[in-house]
C-alpha cells in the first residue's frame, strides 16, 4: 500500500513538474537563441 501511495505521489509530481520543466527549458532555449 505504501508503494502505491509513493508511486501515486511520484506520478502526480511528474504530471505537474514535467510541463513546468519543459516550459523552463523552452524559455531558456528561446533566450539563448535570441
PDB file of N, CA and C in Angstrom:
ATOM      1  N   UNK A   1       0.845  -1.205   0.000  1.00  0.00           N
ATOM      2  CA  UNK A   1       0.000   0.000   0.000  1.00  0.00           C
ATOM      3  C   UNK A   1       0.879   1.253   0.000  1.00  0.00           C
ATOM      4  N   UNK A   2       1.950   1.238   0.786  1.00  0.00           N
ATOM      5  CA  UNK A   2       2.819   2.419   0.842  1.00  0.00           C
ATOM      6  C   UNK A   2       3.500   2.664  -0.508  1.00  0.00           C
ATOM      7  N   UNK A   3       3.878   1.573  -1.186  1.00  0.00           N
ATOM      8  CA  UNK A   3       4.480   1.733  -2.512  1.00  0.00           C
ATOM      9  C   UNK A   3       3.491   2.349  -3.483  1.00  0.00           C
ATOM     10  N   UNK A   4       2.226   1.949  -3.397  1.00  0.00           N
ATOM     11  CA  UNK A   4       1.204   2.509  -4.286  1.00  0.00           C
ATOM     12  C   UNK A   4       1.043   4.008  -4.043  1.00  0.00           C
ATOM     13  N   UNK A   5       1.054   4.399  -2.777  1.00  0.00           N
ATOM     14  CA  UNK A   5       0.937   5.828  -2.447  1.00  0.00           C
ATOM     15  C   UNK A   5       2.159   6.580  -2.974  1.00  0.00           C
ATOM     16  N   UNK A   6       3.318   5.968  -2.806  1.00  0.00           N
ATOM     17  CA  UNK A   6       4.548   6.619  -3.264  1.00  0.00           C
ATOM     18  C   UNK A   6       4.526   6.794  -4.780  1.00  0.00           C
ATOM     19  N   UNK A   7       4.084   5.735  -5.492  1.00  0.00           N
ATOM     20  CA  UNK A   7       4.011   5.832  -6.951  1.00  0.00           C
ATOM     21  C   UNK A   7       2.983   6.869  -7.378  1.00  0.00           C
ATOM     22  N   UNK A   8       1.878   6.956  -6.637  1.00  0.00           N
ATOM     23  CA  UNK A   8       0.846   7.938  -6.974  1.00  0.00           C
ATOM     24  C   UNK A   8       1.392   9.354  -6.810  1.00  0.00           C
ATOM     25  N   UNK A   9       2.135   9.579  -5.724  1.00  0.00           N
ATOM     26  CA  UNK A   9       2.719  10.903  -5.488  1.00  0.00           C
ATOM     27  C   UNK A   9       3.764  11.215  -6.557  1.00  0.00           C
ATOM     28  N   UNK A  10       4.580  10.216  -6.903  1.00  0.00           N
ATOM     29  CA  UNK A  10       5.591  10.430  -7.944  1.00  0.00           C
ATOM     30  C   UNK A  10       4.925  10.744  -9.277  1.00  0.00           C
ATOM     31  N   UNK A  11       3.839  10.037  -9.585  1.00  0.00           N
ATOM     32  CA  UNK A  11       3.124  10.289 -10.830  1.00  0.00           C
ATOM     33  C   UNK A  11       2.540  11.690 -10.852  1.00  0.00           C
ATOM     34  N   UNK A  12       2.018  12.119  -9.709  1.00  0.00           N
ATOM     35  CA  UNK A  12       1.455  13.463  -9.622  1.00  0.00           C
ATOM     36  C   UNK A  12       2.556  14.504  -9.810  1.00  0.00           C
ATOM     37  N   UNK A  13       3.711  14.278  -9.172  1.00  0.00           N
ATOM     38  CA  UNK A  13       4.836  15.195  -9.319  1.00  0.00           C
ATOM     39  C   UNK A  13       5.298  15.267 -10.774  1.00  0.00           C
ATOM     40  N   UNK A  14       5.345  14.079 -11.428  1.00  0.00           N
ATOM     41  CA  UNK A  14       5.784  14.063 -12.825  1.00  0.00           C
ATOM     42  C   UNK A  14       4.789  14.788 -13.718  1.00  0.00           C
ATOM     43  N   UNK A  15       3.492  14.537 -13.493  1.00  0.00           N
ATOM     44  CA  UNK A  15       2.471  15.150 -14.344  1.00  0.00           C
ATOM     45  C   UNK A  15       2.434  16.660 -14.142  1.00  0.00           C
ATOM     46  N   UNK A  16       2.754  17.115 -12.927  1.00  0.00           N
ATOM     47  CA  UNK A  16       2.744  18.559 -12.666  1.00  0.00           C
ATOM     48  C   UNK A  16       4.101  19.185 -12.990  1.00  0.00           C
ATOM     49  N   UNK A  17       5.173  18.473 -12.735  1.00  0.00           N
ATOM     50  CA  UNK A  17       6.511  19.036 -12.883  1.00  0.00           C
ATOM     51  C   UNK A  17       7.040  18.998 -14.306  1.00  0.00           C
ATOM     52  N   UNK A  18       6.656  17.970 -15.077  1.00  0.00           N
ATOM     53  CA  UNK A  18       7.197  17.833 -16.429  1.00  0.00           C
ATOM     54  C   UNK A  18       6.873  19.037 -17.319  1.00  0.00           C
ATOM     55  N   UNK A  19       5.609  19.495 -17.391  1.00  0.00           N
ATOM     56  CA  UNK A  19       5.309  20.672 -18.218  1.00  0.00           C
ATOM     57  C   UNK A  19       6.053  21.916 -17.728  1.00  0.00           C
ATOM     58  N   UNK A  20       6.214  22.054 -16.411  1.00  0.00           N
ATOM     59  CA  UNK A  20       6.911  23.215 -15.858  1.00  0.00           C
ATOM     60  C   UNK A  20       8.379  23.206 -16.273  1.00  0.00           C
ATOM     61  N   UNK A  21       9.009  22.036 -16.130  1.00  0.00           N
ATOM     62  CA  UNK A  21      10.419  21.915 -16.514  1.00  0.00           C
ATOM     63  C   UNK A  21      10.579  22.095 -18.023  1.00  0.00           C
ATOM     64  N   UNK A  22       9.624  21.533 -18.784  1.00  0.00           N
ATOM     65  CA  UNK A  22       9.679  21.653 -20.243  1.00  0.00           C
ATOM     66  C   UNK A  22       9.570  23.115 -20.656  1.00  0.00           C
ATOM     67  N   UNK A  23       8.644  23.853 -20.053  1.00  0.00           N
ATOM     68  CA  UNK A  23       8.487  25.277 -20.362  1.00  0.00           C
ATOM     69  C   UNK A  23       9.723  26.050 -19.933  1.00  0.00           C
ATOM     70  N   UNK A  24      10.322  25.639 -18.808  1.00  0.00           N
ATOM     71  CA  UNK A  24      11.522  26.309 -18.321  1.00  0.00           C
ATOM     72  C   UNK A  24      12.658  26.135 -19.327  1.00  0.00           C
ATOM     73  N   UNK A  25      12.844  24.902 -19.810  1.00  0.00           N
ATOM     74  CA  UNK A  25      13.891  24.654 -20.797  1.00  0.00           C
ATOM     75  C   UNK A  25      13.590  25.383 -22.103  1.00  0.00           C
ATOM     76  N   UNK A  26      12.308  25.408 -22.491  1.00  0.00           N
ATOM     77  CA  UNK A  26      11.930  26.072 -23.737  1.00  0.00           C
ATOM     78  C   UNK A  26      12.187  27.577 -23.615  1.00  0.00           C
ATOM     79  N   UNK A  27      11.913  28.137 -22.441  1.00  0.00           N
ATOM     80  CA  UNK A  27      12.154  29.556 -22.213  1.00  0.00           C
ATOM     81  C   UNK A  27      13.656  29.840 -22.260  1.00  0.00           C
ATOM     82  N   UNK A  28      14.457  28.982 -21.622  1.00  0.00           N
ATOM     83  CA  UNK A  28      15.906  29.146 -21.650  1.00  0.00           C
ATOM     84  C   UNK A  28      16.434  29.028 -23.075  1.00  0.00           C
ATOM     85  N   UNK A  29      15.882  28.080 -23.835  1.00  0.00           N
ATOM     86  CA  UNK A  29      16.302  27.889 -25.217  1.00  0.00           C
ATOM     87  C   UNK A  29      15.981  29.129 -26.042  1.00  0.00           C
ATOM     88  N   UNK A  30      14.827  29.728 -25.769  1.00  0.00           N
ATOM     89  CA  UNK A  30      14.410  30.921 -26.505  1.00  0.00           C
ATOM     90  C   UNK A  30      15.327  32.097 -26.169  1.00  0.00           C
ATOM     91  N   UNK A  31      15.695  32.236 -24.899  1.00  0.00           N
ATOM     92  CA  UNK A  31      16.545  33.351 -24.505  1.00  0.00           C
ATOM     93  C   UNK A  31      17.966  33.138 -25.007  1.00  0.00           C
ATOM     94  N   UNK A  32      18.396  31.885 -25.129  1.00  0.00           N
ATOM     95  CA  UNK A  32      19.744  31.610 -25.624  1.00  0.00           C
ATOM     96  C   UNK A  32      19.823  31.898 -27.128  1.00  0.00           C
ATOM     97  N   UNK A  33      18.769  31.533 -27.865  1.00  0.00           N
ATOM     98  CA  UNK A  33      18.799  31.714 -29.319  1.00  0.00           C
ATOM     99  C   UNK A  33      18.770  33.186 -29.703  1.00  0.00           C
ATOM    100  N   UNK A  34      18.053  34.004 -28.974  1.00  0.00           N
ATOM    101  CA  UNK A  34      17.936  35.416 -29.342  1.00  0.00           C
ATOM    102  C   UNK A  34      19.145  36.194 -28.852  1.00  0.00           C
TER     103      UNK A  34
END
